[in-house]
Amino acid sequence: MHVHDDPNTDLDGARLAGELVAGSSDALAEMYRRWSTLVHTIAYRSLGDRHDAEDVTQQVFVSAWNGRHTLRPDAGSPAAWLVGITKHRVADVKMQRYRSHRNLHAVAAQSATEPSEQHDDWAEKLLLVSELERMGDPRAAVLRMAFMEDKPQDEIARTLDLPIGTVKSHVRRGLIELRRRLEEVEHVAP
């Protein structure tokens, strides 16, 4: 697929690229208007999740603004440059998914090999429950169902009447928040 076949469009793209490099936020807004659908479509087809595709689309245009100095107006269309950024952001999401999946399997494997140590440590369990309660719903409910009740994410989405992307987001962001809170407690503990 050729993003631009019309020479006038190529000239307009070069103009937009030059304006973006010069720091024009209007040029970024115009690029977003023209190519956000393309970016979103690529992200959605690669990731299969609308929420992740929306996140990637936003990240692509933030990256375009922050990295505008890398755009060379004479080296190709801004659309091709945005597609390149999109592919990098998609790869980042896939790597993050892989790491999350790997970490969950590692935790599950550890739980299976050391069940008595983990279940006997009531202080840690109480701390975890306390931190989940502080987090509030729906995120706490999603984490409780995912890790304490061992329910799959699609079942959680149906039970809580939430989109699957929202459930995945709550799991990802909730784990980050929980890890941060537990690290704070470890630093305070004698």
C-alpha atoms as a PDB file:
ATOM      1  CA  MET A   1       0.000   0.000   0.000  1.00  0.00           C
ATOM      2  CA  HIS A   2       1.319   3.428  -0.923  1.00  0.00           C
ATOM      3  CA  VAL A   3       0.423   6.068   1.599  1.00  0.00           C
ATOM      4  CA  HIS A   4       0.940   8.826  -1.009  1.00  0.00           C
ATOM      5  CA  ASP A   5       0.656   8.487  -4.744  1.00  0.00           C
ATOM      6  CA  ASP A   6      -0.113  12.130  -5.472  1.00  0.00           C
ATOM      7  CA  PRO A   7       3.009  14.360  -5.823  1.00  0.00           C
ATOM      8  CA  ASN A   8       1.068  17.311  -4.362  1.00  0.00           C
ATOM      9  CA  THR A   9       0.323  15.254  -1.246  1.00  0.00           C
ATOM     10  CA  ASP A  10       4.026  14.394  -0.973  1.00  0.00           C
ATOM     11  CA  LEU A  11       4.879  18.114  -1.140  1.00  0.00           C
ATOM     12  CA  ASP A  12       2.268  18.851   1.521  1.00  0.00           C
ATOM     13  CA  GLY A  13       3.695  16.053   3.679  1.00  0.00           C
ATOM     14  CA  ALA A  14       7.190  17.526   3.318  1.00  0.00           C
ATOM     15  CA  ARG A  15       5.797  20.927   4.340  1.00  0.00           C
ATOM     16  CA  LEU A  16       4.104  19.400   7.395  1.00  0.00           C
ATOM     17  CA  ALA A  17       7.290  17.544   8.298  1.00  0.00           C
ATOM     18  CA  GLY A  18       9.329  20.745   8.070  1.00  0.00           C
ATOM     19  CA  GLU A  19       6.822  22.578  10.267  1.00  0.00           C
ATOM     20  CA  LEU A  20       6.851  19.764  12.831  1.00  0.00           C
ATOM     21  CA  VAL A  21      10.651  19.747  12.972  1.00  0.00           C
ATOM     22  CA  ALA A  22      10.489  23.531  13.514  1.00  0.00           C
ATOM     23  CA  GLY A  23       8.242  22.914  16.548  1.00  0.00           C
ATOM     24  CA  SER A  24       4.763  23.594  15.191  1.00  0.00           C
ATOM     25  CA  SER A  25       2.109  21.945  17.348  1.00  0.00           C
ATOM     26  CA  ASP A  26      -0.395  22.780  14.585  1.00  0.00           C
ATOM     27  CA  ALA A  27       1.603  20.526  12.242  1.00  0.00           C
ATOM     28  CA  LEU A  28       1.380  17.716  14.820  1.00  0.00           C
ATOM     29  CA  ALA A  29      -2.385  18.257  15.117  1.00  0.00           C
ATOM     30  CA  GLU A  30      -2.722  18.087  11.324  1.00  0.00           C
ATOM     31  CA  MET A  31      -0.620  14.923  11.187  1.00  0.00           C
ATOM     32  CA  TYR A  32      -2.824  13.408  13.886  1.00  0.00           C
ATOM     33  CA  ARG A  33      -5.962  14.348  11.952  1.00  0.00           C
ATOM     34  CA  ARG A  34      -4.601  12.766   8.773  1.00  0.00           C
ATOM     35  CA  TRP A  35      -2.849   9.656  10.040  1.00  0.00           C
ATOM     36  CA  SER A  36      -4.154   8.670  13.476  1.00  0.00           C
ATOM     37  CA  THR A  37      -6.593   6.223  11.865  1.00  0.00           C
ATOM     38  CA  LEU A  38      -3.716   4.584   9.964  1.00  0.00           C
ATOM     39  CA  VAL A  39      -1.652   4.318  13.165  1.00  0.00           C
ATOM     40  CA  HIS A  40      -4.611   2.933  15.135  1.00  0.00           C
ATOM     41  CA  THR A  41      -5.423   0.373  12.427  1.00  0.00           C
ATOM     42  CA  ILE A  42      -1.848  -0.926  12.328  1.00  0.00           C
ATOM     43  CA  ALA A  43      -1.714  -1.140  16.123  1.00  0.00           C
ATOM     44  CA  TYR A  44      -5.091  -2.864  16.376  1.00  0.00           C
ATOM     45  CA  ARG A  45      -4.283  -5.422  13.693  1.00  0.00           C
ATOM     46  CA  SER A  46      -0.945  -6.174  15.354  1.00  0.00           C
ATOM     47  CA  LEU A  47      -2.191  -6.319  18.947  1.00  0.00           C
ATOM     48  CA  GLY A  48      -5.835  -7.387  18.613  1.00  0.00           C
ATOM     49  CA  ASP A  49      -6.908  -5.147  21.482  1.00  0.00           C
ATOM     50  CA  ARG A  50      -8.652  -1.784  21.026  1.00  0.00           C
ATOM     51  CA  HIS A  51      -7.469  -0.373  24.344  1.00  0.00           C
ATOM     52  CA  ASP A  52      -3.840  -1.229  23.593  1.00  0.00           C
ATOM     53  CA  ALA A  53      -4.241   0.189  20.069  1.00  0.00           C
ATOM     54  CA  GLU A  54      -5.575   3.449  21.535  1.00  0.00           C
ATOM     55  CA  ASP A  55      -2.636   3.606  23.955  1.00  0.00           C
ATOM     56  CA  VAL A  56      -0.179   2.951  21.128  1.00  0.00           C
ATOM     57  CA  THR A  57      -1.792   5.635  18.952  1.00  0.00           C
ATOM     58  CA  GLN A  58      -1.406   8.181  21.728  1.00  0.00           C
ATOM     59  CA  GLN A  59       2.191   7.087  22.391  1.00  0.00           C
ATOM     60  CA  VAL A  60       3.077   7.346  18.689  1.00  0.00           C
ATOM     61  CA  PHE A  61       2.060  10.987  18.471  1.00  0.00           C
ATOM     62  CA  VAL A  62       3.735  11.859  21.785  1.00  0.00           C
ATOM     63  CA  SER A  63       6.878  10.150  20.465  1.00  0.00           C
ATOM     64  CA  ALA A  64       6.526  12.012  17.164  1.00  0.00           C
ATOM     65  CA  TRP A  65       6.457  15.315  19.029  1.00  0.00           C
ATOM     66  CA  ASN A  66       9.313  14.420  21.365  1.00  0.00           C
ATOM     67  CA  GLY A  67      11.395  12.962  18.531  1.00  0.00           C
ATOM     68  CA  ARG A  68      10.504  15.506  15.856  1.00  0.00           C
ATOM     69  CA  HIS A  69      14.197  16.359  15.455  1.00  0.00           C
ATOM     70  CA  THR A  70      14.709  12.868  13.934  1.00  0.00           C
ATOM     71  CA  LEU A  71      12.229  13.509  11.117  1.00  0.00           C
ATOM     72  CA  ARG A  72      13.915  14.391   7.831  1.00  0.00           C
ATOM     73  CA  PRO A  73      11.410  16.106   5.531  1.00  0.00           C
ATOM     74  CA  ASP A  74      13.505  15.191   2.472  1.00  0.00           C
ATOM     75  CA  ALA A  75      13.855  11.492   3.377  1.00  0.00           C
ATOM     76  CA  GLY A  76      10.287  10.251   2.999  1.00  0.00           C
ATOM     77  CA  SER A  77       6.719  10.923   3.980  1.00  0.00           C
ATOM     78  CA  PRO A  78       5.685  11.749   7.541  1.00  0.00           C
ATOM     79  CA  ALA A  79       3.165   8.886   7.281  1.00  0.00           C
ATOM     80  CA  ALA A  80       5.989   6.387   6.703  1.00  0.00           C
ATOM     81  CA  TRP A  81       7.872   7.889   9.666  1.00  0.00           C
ATOM     82  CA  LEU A  82       4.760   7.496  11.852  1.00  0.00           C
ATOM     83  CA  VAL A  83       4.339   3.884  10.684  1.00  0.00           C
ATOM     84  CA  GLY A  84       7.934   3.218  11.779  1.00  0.00           C
ATOM     85  CA  ILE A  85       7.239   4.694  15.218  1.00  0.00           C
ATOM     86  CA  THR A  86       4.049   2.614  15.393  1.00  0.00           C
ATOM     87  CA  LYS A  87       5.941  -0.603  14.701  1.00  0.00           C
ATOM     88  CA  HIS A  88       8.373   0.199  17.533  1.00  0.00           C
ATOM     89  CA  ARG A  89       5.535   0.960  19.960  1.00  0.00           C
ATOM     90  CA  VAL A  90       3.709  -2.243  18.981  1.00  0.00           C
ATOM     91  CA  ALA A  91       6.917  -4.200  19.589  1.00  0.00           C
ATOM     92  CA  ASP A  92       7.198  -2.548  23.026  1.00  0.00           C
ATOM     93  CA  VAL A  93       3.651  -3.630  23.943  1.00  0.00           C
ATOM     94  CA  LYS A  94       4.300  -7.169  22.745  1.00  0.00           C
ATOM     95  CA  MET A  95       7.500  -7.320  24.817  1.00  0.00           C
ATOM     96  CA  GLN A  96       5.625  -5.988  27.853  1.00  0.00           C
ATOM     97  CA  ARG A  97       2.929  -8.642  27.362  1.00  0.00           C
ATOM     98  CA  TYR A  98       5.591 -11.332  27.085  1.00  0.00           C
ATOM     99  CA  ARG A  99       7.301 -10.161  30.288  1.00  0.00           C
ATOM    100  CA  SER A 100       3.992 -10.009  32.180  1.00  0.00           C
ATOM    101  CA  HIS A 101       3.086 -13.500  30.971  1.00  0.00           C
ATOM    102  CA  ARG A 102       6.534 -14.823  31.901  1.00  0.00           C
ATOM    103  CA  ASN A 103       6.400 -13.192  35.347  1.00  0.00           C
ATOM    104  CA  LEU A 104       2.949 -14.589  36.079  1.00  0.00           C
ATOM    105  CA  HIS A 105       4.144 -18.078  35.131  1.00  0.00           C
ATOM    106  CA  ALA A 106       7.202 -17.643  37.359  1.00  0.00           C
ATOM    107  CA  VAL A 107       4.992 -16.637  40.304  1.00  0.00           C
ATOM    108  CA  ALA A 108       2.665 -19.579  39.634  1.00  0.00           C
ATOM    109  CA  ALA A 109       5.604 -21.984  39.431  1.00  0.00           C
ATOM    110  CA  GLN A 110       7.047 -20.642  42.673  1.00  0.00           C
ATOM    111  CA  SER A 111       3.669 -20.965  44.389  1.00  0.00           C
ATOM    112  CA  ALA A 112       3.386 -24.574  43.258  1.00  0.00           C
ATOM    113  CA  THR A 113       6.840 -25.509  44.566  1.00  0.00           C
ATOM    114  CA  GLU A 114       6.641 -23.650  47.896  1.00  0.00           C
ATOM    115  CA  PRO A 115       2.986 -23.753  48.956  1.00  0.00           C
ATOM    116  CA  SER A 116       3.559 -24.100  52.710  1.00  0.00           C
ATOM    117  CA  GLU A 117       5.888 -21.078  52.959  1.00  0.00           C
ATOM    118  CA  GLN A 118       3.523 -18.820  51.030  1.00  0.00           C
ATOM    119  CA  HIS A 119       0.333 -19.867  52.786  1.00  0.00           C
ATOM    120  CA  ASP A 120       1.862 -19.756  56.268  1.00  0.00           C
ATOM    121  CA  ASP A 121       3.030 -16.168  55.967  1.00  0.00           C
ATOM    122  CA  TRP A 122      -0.122 -14.494  57.279  1.00  0.00           C
ATOM    123  CA  ALA A 123       1.530 -11.102  57.709  1.00  0.00           C
ATOM    124  CA  GLU A 124       2.291 -10.872  54.002  1.00  0.00           C
ATOM    125  CA  LYS A 125      -1.174 -12.086  53.087  1.00  0.00           C
ATOM    126  CA  LEU A 126      -2.811  -9.520  55.368  1.00  0.00           C
ATOM    127  CA  LEU A 127      -0.603  -6.788  53.927  1.00  0.00           C
ATOM    128  CA  LEU A 128      -1.601  -7.800  50.411  1.00  0.00           C
ATOM    129  CA  VAL A 129      -5.319  -7.796  51.268  1.00  0.00           C
ATOM    130  CA  SER A 130      -4.927  -4.421  52.981  1.00  0.00           C
ATOM    131  CA  GLU A 131      -3.174  -2.920  49.954  1.00  0.00           C
ATOM    132  CA  LEU A 132      -5.861  -4.279  47.629  1.00  0.00           C
ATOM    133  CA  GLU A 133      -8.566  -2.679  49.794  1.00  0.00           C
ATOM    134  CA  ARG A 134      -6.727   0.658  49.649  1.00  0.00           C
ATOM    135  CA  MET A 135      -6.583   0.387  45.859  1.00  0.00           C
ATOM    136  CA  GLY A 136     -10.360   0.445  45.494  1.00  0.00           C
ATOM    137  CA  ASP A 137     -12.647  -1.155  42.954  1.00  0.00           C
ATOM    138  CA  PRO A 138     -12.829  -2.082  40.165  1.00  0.00           C
ATOM    139  CA  ARG A 139      -9.020  -2.529  40.068  1.00  0.00           C
ATOM    140  CA  ALA A 140      -8.889  -4.351  43.433  1.00  0.00           C
ATOM    141  CA  ALA A 141     -11.735  -6.650  42.396  1.00  0.00           C
ATOM    142  CA  VAL A 142      -9.981  -7.453  39.128  1.00  0.00           C
ATOM    143  CA  LEU A 143      -6.708  -8.291  40.910  1.00  0.00           C
ATOM    144  CA  ARG A 144      -8.498 -10.337  43.594  1.00  0.00           C
ATOM    145  CA  MET A 145     -10.317 -12.387  40.979  1.00  0.00           C
ATOM    146  CA  ALA A 146      -7.213 -12.823  38.816  1.00  0.00           C
ATOM    147  CA  PHE A 147      -4.735 -13.838  41.489  1.00  0.00           C
ATOM    148  CA  MET A 148      -6.599 -14.988  44.559  1.00  0.00           C
ATOM    149  CA  GLU A 149      -9.453 -16.732  42.746  1.00  0.00           C
ATOM    150  CA  ASP A 150      -7.345 -17.660  39.707  1.00  0.00           C
ATOM    151  CA  LYS A 151     -10.035 -16.591  37.227  1.00  0.00           C
ATOM    152  CA  PRO A 152      -9.150 -15.963  33.568  1.00  0.00           C
ATOM    153  CA  GLN A 153      -9.372 -12.373  32.340  1.00  0.00           C
ATOM    154  CA  ASP A 154     -12.273 -13.030  29.960  1.00  0.00           C
ATOM    155  CA  GLU A 155     -14.326 -14.461  32.855  1.00  0.00           C
ATOM    156  CA  ILE A 156     -13.454 -11.429  35.004  1.00  0.00           C
ATOM    157  CA  ALA A 157     -14.606  -9.151  32.181  1.00  0.00           C
ATOM    158  CA  ARG A 158     -17.956 -10.973  31.959  1.00  0.00           C
ATOM    159  CA  THR A 159     -18.446 -11.092  35.743  1.00  0.00           C
ATOM    160  CA  LEU A 160     -17.686  -7.388  36.254  1.00  0.00           C
ATOM    161  CA  ASP A 161     -19.273  -6.332  32.937  1.00  0.00           C
ATOM    162  CA  LEU A 162     -16.050  -4.656  31.797  1.00  0.00           C
ATOM    163  CA  PRO A 163     -14.349  -4.703  28.394  1.00  0.00           C
ATOM    164  CA  ILE A 164     -11.465  -7.208  28.250  1.00  0.00           C
ATOM    165  CA  GLY A 165      -9.035  -4.385  27.442  1.00  0.00           C
ATOM    166  CA  THR A 166     -10.057  -2.602  30.639  1.00  0.00           C
ATOM    167  CA  VAL A 167      -9.513  -5.787  32.660  1.00  0.00           C
ATOM    168  CA  LYS A 168      -6.047  -6.249  31.117  1.00  0.00           C
ATOM    169  CA  SER A 169      -5.238  -2.618  31.849  1.00  0.00           C
ATOM    170  CA  HIS A 170      -6.380  -2.973  35.481  1.00  0.00           C
ATOM    171  CA  VAL A 171      -4.211  -6.076  35.910  1.00  0.00           C
ATOM    172  CA  ARG A 172      -1.146  -4.440  34.377  1.00  0.00           C
ATOM    173  CA  ARG A 173      -1.499  -1.099  36.150  1.00  0.00           C
ATOM    174  CA  GLY A 174      -2.693  -2.698  39.378  1.00  0.00           C
ATOM    175  CA  LEU A 175       0.375  -4.929  39.573  1.00  0.00           C
ATOM    176  CA  ILE A 176       2.623  -1.923  39.019  1.00  0.00           C
ATOM    177  CA  GLU A 177       0.785   0.025  41.732  1.00  0.00           C
ATOM    178  CA  LEU A 178       0.818  -2.935  44.115  1.00  0.00           C
ATOM    179  CA  ARG A 179       4.544  -3.530  43.578  1.00  0.00           C
ATOM    180  CA  ARG A 180       5.248   0.169  44.261  1.00  0.00           C
ATOM    181  CA  ARG A 181       3.184   0.118  47.463  1.00  0.00           C
ATOM    182  CA  LEU A 182       4.805  -3.086  48.722  1.00  0.00           C
ATOM    183  CA  GLU A 183       8.273  -1.659  48.011  1.00  0.00           C
ATOM    184  CA  GLU A 184       7.342   1.421  50.068  1.00  0.00           C
ATOM    185  CA  VAL A 185       6.288  -0.824  52.966  1.00  0.00           C
ATOM    186  CA  GLU A 186       9.581  -2.766  52.727  1.00  0.00           C
ATOM    187  CA  HIS A 187      11.562   0.476  52.910  1.00  0.00           C
ATOM    188  CA  VAL A 188       9.655   1.602  56.015  1.00  0.00           C
ATOM    189  CA  ALA A 189       9.802  -1.776  57.778  1.00  0.00           C
ATOM    190  CA  PRO A 190      12.717  -2.207  60.240  1.00  0.00           C
END
